[in-house]
Amino acid sequence: MSRQPFTSVIASTGMRAVHPRRFDHHCTLTFRPTAEVRAATPAGARVVMEVVGMVITDEVQAAVVEFRDGPVTAADVASGFPHVTISTAEGVAPVASVAAIAQAIAQGSVVPVRGFFFEGVVDA
């Protein structure tokens, strides 16, 4: 299993960001965490994630991920949808990926992807 920075994984799949604003460098666990949540976060720990699906709309492009190794699990992701927002259209906030992923899951339109792993470091 090759562990690469996420941008390298995107490049290795032949994909490109489809929208002009890029955010493909992190997976948000909790947006603006409280001091209590921050204290419980395993800052500095390494995690391995696998890209398991893609969601692309007119507004967002996001990779759905699963945690494969490390102290973080899907339950640690406050939005309920572990993902990396790859890109958004102008004027669209990265958080729009959450609704797009929820809708794609409900509609069964998440494009399955397997075999692309990347490693990250938990930052509080």
N, C-alpha and C. Protein backbone atom coordinates (compact mmCIF):
# COMPACT_ATOMS: atom_id res chain seq x y z
N MET A 1 0.85 -1.18 0.00
CA MET A 1 0.00 0.00 0.00
C MET A 1 0.89 1.24 0.00
N SER A 2 0.73 2.05 -0.99
CA SER A 2 1.48 3.29 -1.08
C SER A 2 0.74 4.39 -0.33
N ARG A 3 1.44 5.07 0.53
CA ARG A 3 0.84 6.18 1.28
C ARG A 3 1.41 7.47 0.75
N GLN A 4 0.58 8.27 0.15
CA GLN A 4 1.02 9.49 -0.49
C GLN A 4 0.21 10.68 0.01
N PRO A 5 0.75 11.88 -0.16
CA PRO A 5 -0.08 13.05 0.13
C PRO A 5 -1.30 13.01 -0.79
N PHE A 6 -2.41 13.55 -0.35
CA PHE A 6 -3.64 13.43 -1.11
C PHE A 6 -3.53 14.02 -2.50
N THR A 7 -2.81 15.12 -2.67
CA THR A 7 -2.69 15.70 -4.00
C THR A 7 -1.99 14.74 -4.93
N SER A 8 -1.05 13.94 -4.43
CA SER A 8 -0.39 12.94 -5.27
C SER A 8 -1.36 11.84 -5.65
N VAL A 9 -2.25 11.48 -4.73
CA VAL A 9 -3.25 10.46 -5.05
C VAL A 9 -4.15 10.97 -6.15
N ILE A 10 -4.57 12.23 -6.08
CA ILE A 10 -5.41 12.80 -7.13
C ILE A 10 -4.66 12.72 -8.45
N ALA A 11 -3.42 13.13 -8.46
CA ALA A 11 -2.65 13.10 -9.70
C ALA A 11 -2.48 11.68 -10.22
N SER A 12 -2.29 10.72 -9.32
CA SER A 12 -2.06 9.34 -9.76
C SER A 12 -3.32 8.70 -10.33
N THR A 13 -4.49 9.24 -10.02
CA THR A 13 -5.73 8.68 -10.58
C THR A 13 -6.07 9.32 -11.92
N GLY A 14 -5.33 10.36 -12.28
CA GLY A 14 -5.62 11.05 -13.52
C GLY A 14 -6.71 12.10 -13.37
N MET A 15 -7.21 12.28 -12.15
CA MET A 15 -8.24 13.28 -11.90
C MET A 15 -7.62 14.66 -11.78
N ARG A 16 -8.44 15.65 -12.02
CA ARG A 16 -8.04 17.03 -11.81
C ARG A 16 -9.15 17.71 -11.02
N ALA A 17 -8.78 18.78 -10.36
CA ALA A 17 -9.81 19.57 -9.69
C ALA A 17 -10.74 20.12 -10.77
N VAL A 18 -12.04 19.95 -10.57
CA VAL A 18 -12.99 20.40 -11.60
C VAL A 18 -13.50 21.81 -11.34
N HIS A 19 -13.25 22.34 -10.17
CA HIS A 19 -13.67 23.69 -9.83
C HIS A 19 -12.44 24.53 -9.50
N PRO A 20 -12.55 25.85 -9.57
CA PRO A 20 -11.37 26.70 -9.40
C PRO A 20 -10.82 26.81 -7.98
N ARG A 21 -11.64 26.63 -6.96
CA ARG A 21 -11.15 26.78 -5.58
C ARG A 21 -10.76 25.40 -5.05
N ARG A 22 -9.48 25.22 -4.67
CA ARG A 22 -9.00 23.92 -4.21
C ARG A 22 -8.83 23.88 -2.71
N PHE A 23 -9.25 22.74 -2.13
CA PHE A 23 -9.16 22.53 -0.68
C PHE A 23 -8.69 21.11 -0.38
N ASP A 24 -7.92 20.52 -1.26
CA ASP A 24 -7.64 19.09 -1.21
C ASP A 24 -6.51 18.69 -0.28
N HIS A 25 -6.34 19.40 0.81
CA HIS A 25 -5.20 19.11 1.68
C HIS A 25 -5.58 18.66 3.09
N HIS A 26 -6.87 18.42 3.36
CA HIS A 26 -7.22 18.00 4.72
C HIS A 26 -8.60 17.34 4.77
N CYS A 27 -8.83 16.62 5.85
CA CYS A 27 -10.13 16.04 6.18
C CYS A 27 -10.53 16.66 7.52
N THR A 28 -11.59 17.43 7.53
CA THR A 28 -12.01 18.12 8.76
C THR A 28 -12.69 17.14 9.71
N LEU A 29 -12.19 17.08 10.93
CA LEU A 29 -12.84 16.27 11.96
C LEU A 29 -13.95 17.07 12.60
N THR A 30 -13.62 18.26 13.11
CA THR A 30 -14.60 19.16 13.72
C THR A 30 -14.25 20.58 13.32
N PHE A 31 -15.20 21.29 12.72
CA PHE A 31 -14.97 22.68 12.34
C PHE A 31 -15.10 23.55 13.58
N ARG A 32 -14.08 24.34 13.83
CA ARG A 32 -14.03 25.21 15.02
C ARG A 32 -14.34 24.44 16.30
N PRO A 33 -13.48 23.47 16.65
CA PRO A 33 -13.74 22.65 17.84
C PRO A 33 -13.67 23.45 19.14
N THR A 34 -14.44 22.99 20.11
CA THR A 34 -14.39 23.59 21.44
C THR A 34 -13.07 23.21 22.09
N ALA A 35 -12.74 23.85 23.19
CA ALA A 35 -11.51 23.52 23.91
C ALA A 35 -11.55 22.07 24.38
N GLU A 36 -12.72 21.59 24.77
CA GLU A 36 -12.86 20.20 25.22
C GLU A 36 -12.59 19.22 24.08
N VAL A 37 -13.15 19.50 22.93
CA VAL A 37 -12.92 18.62 21.77
C VAL A 37 -11.46 18.68 21.34
N ARG A 38 -10.89 19.88 21.33
CA ARG A 38 -9.48 20.04 20.96
C ARG A 38 -8.57 19.25 21.90
N ALA A 39 -8.87 19.28 23.20
CA ALA A 39 -8.05 18.56 24.18
C ALA A 39 -8.12 17.04 23.97
N ALA A 40 -9.25 16.55 23.46
CA ALA A 40 -9.42 15.11 23.25
C ALA A 40 -8.90 14.64 21.89
N THR A 41 -8.50 15.58 21.05
CA THR A 41 -8.02 15.24 19.71
C THR A 41 -6.59 14.72 19.79
N PRO A 42 -6.31 13.58 19.14
CA PRO A 42 -4.94 13.02 19.19
C PRO A 42 -3.98 13.76 18.27
N ALA A 43 -3.74 15.03 18.56
CA ALA A 43 -2.89 15.86 17.71
C ALA A 43 -1.52 15.22 17.51
N GLY A 44 -1.05 15.26 16.26
CA GLY A 44 0.25 14.72 15.92
C GLY A 44 0.22 13.26 15.50
N ALA A 45 -0.90 12.58 15.74
CA ALA A 45 -1.00 11.16 15.37
C ALA A 45 -1.13 11.02 13.86
N ARG A 46 -0.56 9.96 13.33
CA ARG A 46 -0.66 9.66 11.90
C ARG A 46 -1.90 8.81 11.65
N VAL A 47 -2.59 9.11 10.55
CA VAL A 47 -3.75 8.33 10.14
C VAL A 47 -3.61 7.96 8.67
N VAL A 48 -4.13 6.80 8.32
CA VAL A 48 -4.16 6.37 6.93
C VAL A 48 -5.62 6.33 6.50
N MET A 49 -5.90 6.94 5.35
CA MET A 49 -7.25 6.96 4.81
C MET A 49 -7.24 6.35 3.42
N GLU A 50 -8.40 5.79 3.04
CA GLU A 50 -8.58 5.28 1.70
C GLU A 50 -9.71 6.05 1.03
N VAL A 51 -9.49 6.47 -0.21
CA VAL A 51 -10.56 7.09 -0.98
C VAL A 51 -11.49 5.96 -1.40
N VAL A 52 -12.77 6.05 -1.04
CA VAL A 52 -13.73 4.99 -1.37
C VAL A 52 -14.84 5.47 -2.30
N GLY A 53 -14.88 6.77 -2.57
CA GLY A 53 -15.91 7.28 -3.46
C GLY A 53 -15.65 8.71 -3.84
N MET A 54 -16.29 9.14 -4.93
CA MET A 54 -16.19 10.52 -5.40
C MET A 54 -17.58 11.08 -5.59
N VAL A 55 -17.74 12.36 -5.26
CA VAL A 55 -18.98 13.08 -5.49
C VAL A 55 -18.60 14.36 -6.23
N ILE A 56 -19.20 14.54 -7.39
CA ILE A 56 -18.94 15.74 -8.18
C ILE A 56 -20.27 16.35 -8.57
N THR A 57 -20.45 17.62 -8.21
CA THR A 57 -21.65 18.37 -8.59
C THR A 57 -21.21 19.66 -9.28
N ASP A 58 -22.18 20.49 -9.63
CA ASP A 58 -21.85 21.79 -10.22
C ASP A 58 -21.16 22.71 -9.23
N GLU A 59 -21.27 22.37 -7.94
CA GLU A 59 -20.68 23.23 -6.91
C GLU A 59 -19.47 22.65 -6.20
N VAL A 60 -19.42 21.33 -6.03
CA VAL A 60 -18.33 20.73 -5.26
C VAL A 60 -17.79 19.45 -5.90
N GLN A 61 -16.58 19.14 -5.51
CA GLN A 61 -15.93 17.87 -5.84
C GLN A 61 -15.33 17.36 -4.54
N ALA A 62 -15.73 16.17 -4.12
CA ALA A 62 -15.25 15.65 -2.84
C ALA A 62 -14.93 14.17 -2.94
N ALA A 63 -13.93 13.77 -2.20
CA ALA A 63 -13.57 12.36 -2.09
C ALA A 63 -14.11 11.83 -0.76
N VAL A 64 -14.90 10.79 -0.81
CA VAL A 64 -15.39 10.14 0.41
C VAL A 64 -14.27 9.21 0.87
N VAL A 65 -13.92 9.26 2.16
CA VAL A 65 -12.80 8.47 2.66
C VAL A 65 -13.21 7.59 3.83
N GLU A 66 -12.40 6.56 4.06
CA GLU A 66 -12.53 5.72 5.26
C GLU A 66 -11.17 5.68 5.93
N PHE A 67 -11.19 5.71 7.25
CA PHE A 67 -9.95 5.64 8.02
C PHE A 67 -9.51 4.19 8.11
N ARG A 68 -8.27 3.91 7.77
CA ARG A 68 -7.75 2.54 7.75
C ARG A 68 -6.76 2.24 8.86
N ASP A 69 -6.08 3.26 9.34
CA ASP A 69 -5.07 3.03 10.38
C ASP A 69 -4.90 4.33 11.17
N GLY A 70 -4.74 4.20 12.47
CA GLY A 70 -4.56 5.37 13.31
C GLY A 70 -5.68 5.49 14.32
N PRO A 71 -5.60 6.51 15.17
CA PRO A 71 -6.55 6.66 16.28
C PRO A 71 -7.87 7.33 15.91
N VAL A 72 -8.08 7.68 14.66
CA VAL A 72 -9.29 8.38 14.24
C VAL A 72 -10.25 7.40 13.56
N THR A 73 -11.54 7.56 13.86
CA THR A 73 -12.57 6.74 13.21
C THR A 73 -13.64 7.66 12.61
N ALA A 74 -14.55 7.09 11.86
CA ALA A 74 -15.63 7.88 11.27
C ALA A 74 -16.45 8.58 12.35
N ALA A 75 -16.55 7.99 13.53
CA ALA A 75 -17.30 8.59 14.63
C ALA A 75 -16.69 9.91 15.10
N ASP A 76 -15.42 10.14 14.78
CA ASP A 76 -14.73 11.37 15.18
C ASP A 76 -15.02 12.54 14.23
N VAL A 77 -15.69 12.27 13.12
CA VAL A 77 -15.98 13.30 12.12
C VAL A 77 -17.36 13.89 12.43
N ALA A 78 -17.38 15.13 12.88
CA ALA A 78 -18.62 15.76 13.35
C ALA A 78 -19.70 15.83 12.27
N SER A 79 -19.31 15.97 11.01
CA SER A 79 -20.31 16.07 9.94
C SER A 79 -20.99 14.74 9.65
N GLY A 80 -20.37 13.65 10.10
CA GLY A 80 -20.92 12.32 9.83
C GLY A 80 -20.46 11.73 8.51
N PHE A 81 -19.71 12.51 7.72
CA PHE A 81 -19.25 12.05 6.42
C PHE A 81 -17.75 12.31 6.25
N PRO A 82 -16.92 11.34 6.59
CA PRO A 82 -15.47 11.54 6.38
C PRO A 82 -15.20 11.79 4.90
N HIS A 83 -14.56 12.91 4.61
CA HIS A 83 -14.31 13.27 3.22
C HIS A 83 -13.19 14.30 3.12
N VAL A 84 -12.71 14.48 1.92
CA VAL A 84 -11.79 15.56 1.60
C VAL A 84 -12.46 16.36 0.49
N THR A 85 -12.73 17.63 0.75
CA THR A 85 -13.24 18.49 -0.31
C THR A 85 -12.07 18.79 -1.24
N ILE A 86 -12.22 18.42 -2.49
CA ILE A 86 -11.14 18.64 -3.45
C ILE A 86 -11.22 20.04 -4.04
N SER A 87 -12.42 20.42 -4.49
CA SER A 87 -12.57 21.74 -5.08
C SER A 87 -14.02 22.20 -4.99
N THR A 88 -14.18 23.53 -5.08
CA THR A 88 -15.53 24.11 -5.10
C THR A 88 -15.59 25.19 -6.18
N ALA A 89 -16.81 25.48 -6.62
CA ALA A 89 -17.03 26.59 -7.54
C ALA A 89 -16.80 27.90 -6.79
N GLU A 90 -16.60 28.97 -7.54
CA GLU A 90 -16.44 30.29 -6.92
C GLU A 90 -17.64 30.59 -6.04
N GLY A 91 -17.38 31.12 -4.86
CA GLY A 91 -18.45 31.52 -3.95
C GLY A 91 -19.07 30.37 -3.15
N VAL A 92 -18.56 29.16 -3.32
CA VAL A 92 -19.11 27.99 -2.61
C VAL A 92 -18.13 27.59 -1.51
N ALA A 93 -18.62 27.52 -0.28
CA ALA A 93 -17.78 27.12 0.86
C ALA A 93 -17.54 25.62 0.83
N PRO A 94 -16.39 25.17 1.33
CA PRO A 94 -16.09 23.74 1.34
C PRO A 94 -17.12 22.91 2.10
N VAL A 95 -17.78 23.49 3.09
CA VAL A 95 -18.78 22.76 3.88
C VAL A 95 -19.93 22.28 3.00
N ALA A 96 -20.11 22.85 1.82
CA ALA A 96 -21.17 22.40 0.91
C ALA A 96 -20.97 20.95 0.49
N SER A 97 -19.77 20.44 0.66
CA SER A 97 -19.51 19.02 0.33
C SER A 97 -20.35 18.09 1.19
N VAL A 98 -20.60 18.47 2.42
CA VAL A 98 -21.35 17.60 3.34
C VAL A 98 -22.75 17.32 2.78
N ALA A 99 -23.46 18.37 2.37
CA ALA A 99 -24.81 18.18 1.82
C ALA A 99 -24.75 17.43 0.50
N ALA A 100 -23.75 17.71 -0.32
CA ALA A 100 -23.62 17.01 -1.61
C ALA A 100 -23.38 15.52 -1.40
N ILE A 101 -22.55 15.18 -0.42
CA ILE A 101 -22.27 13.76 -0.12
C ILE A 101 -23.53 13.09 0.43
N ALA A 102 -24.21 13.76 1.34
CA ALA A 102 -25.44 13.19 1.91
C ALA A 102 -26.46 12.91 0.80
N GLN A 103 -26.61 13.85 -0.12
CA GLN A 103 -27.56 13.68 -1.22
C GLN A 103 -27.12 12.54 -2.14
N ALA A 104 -25.83 12.48 -2.45
CA ALA A 104 -25.32 11.42 -3.33
C ALA A 104 -25.49 10.04 -2.70
N ILE A 105 -25.28 9.94 -1.40
CA ILE A 105 -25.49 8.66 -0.70
C ILE A 105 -26.96 8.28 -0.78
N ALA A 106 -27.86 9.24 -0.51
CA ALA A 106 -29.30 8.97 -0.55
C ALA A 106 -29.75 8.54 -1.94
N GLN A 107 -29.14 9.11 -2.97
CA GLN A 107 -29.52 8.80 -4.35
C GLN A 107 -28.74 7.62 -4.93
N GLY A 108 -27.74 7.14 -4.18
CA GLY A 108 -26.91 6.05 -4.68
C GLY A 108 -26.01 6.47 -5.83
N SER A 109 -25.61 7.74 -5.84
CA SER A 109 -24.81 8.23 -6.96
C SER A 109 -23.34 8.51 -6.62
N VAL A 110 -22.88 8.06 -5.45
CA VAL A 110 -21.46 8.18 -5.14
C VAL A 110 -20.71 7.25 -6.09
N VAL A 111 -19.70 7.78 -6.77
CA VAL A 111 -18.92 6.97 -7.70
C VAL A 111 -17.88 6.18 -6.89
N PRO A 112 -17.96 4.84 -6.92
CA PRO A 112 -17.03 4.04 -6.12
C PRO A 112 -15.58 4.18 -6.61
N VAL A 113 -14.67 4.27 -5.67
CA VAL A 113 -13.23 4.33 -5.95
C VAL A 113 -12.57 3.45 -4.90
N ARG A 114 -11.60 2.69 -5.28
CA ARG A 114 -10.87 1.86 -4.30
C ARG A 114 -9.40 1.82 -4.66
N GLY A 115 -8.59 1.58 -3.66
CA GLY A 115 -7.17 1.35 -3.88
C GLY A 115 -6.28 2.57 -3.78
N PHE A 116 -6.84 3.73 -3.44
CA PHE A 116 -6.02 4.92 -3.30
C PHE A 116 -5.95 5.31 -1.83
N PHE A 117 -4.76 5.19 -1.26
CA PHE A 117 -4.54 5.44 0.16
C PHE A 117 -3.68 6.70 0.31
N PHE A 118 -3.88 7.41 1.40
CA PHE A 118 -3.02 8.52 1.71
C PHE A 118 -2.90 8.65 3.22
N GLU A 119 -1.84 9.30 3.63
CA GLU A 119 -1.53 9.43 5.05
C GLU A 119 -1.59 10.90 5.45
N GLY A 120 -2.06 11.13 6.66
CA GLY A 120 -2.10 12.49 7.17
C GLY A 120 -1.75 12.52 8.64
N VAL A 121 -1.62 13.73 9.15
CA VAL A 121 -1.31 13.94 10.56
C VAL A 121 -2.47 14.71 11.18
N VAL A 122 -2.94 14.26 12.33
CA VAL A 122 -4.03 14.93 13.02
C VAL A 122 -3.53 16.26 13.57
N ASP A 123 -4.28 17.30 13.25
CA ASP A 123 -3.94 18.63 13.73
C ASP A 123 -5.15 19.16 14.51
N ALA A 124 -4.89 19.72 15.65
CA ALA A 124 -6.02 20.21 16.46
C ALA A 124 -6.40 21.55 16.04
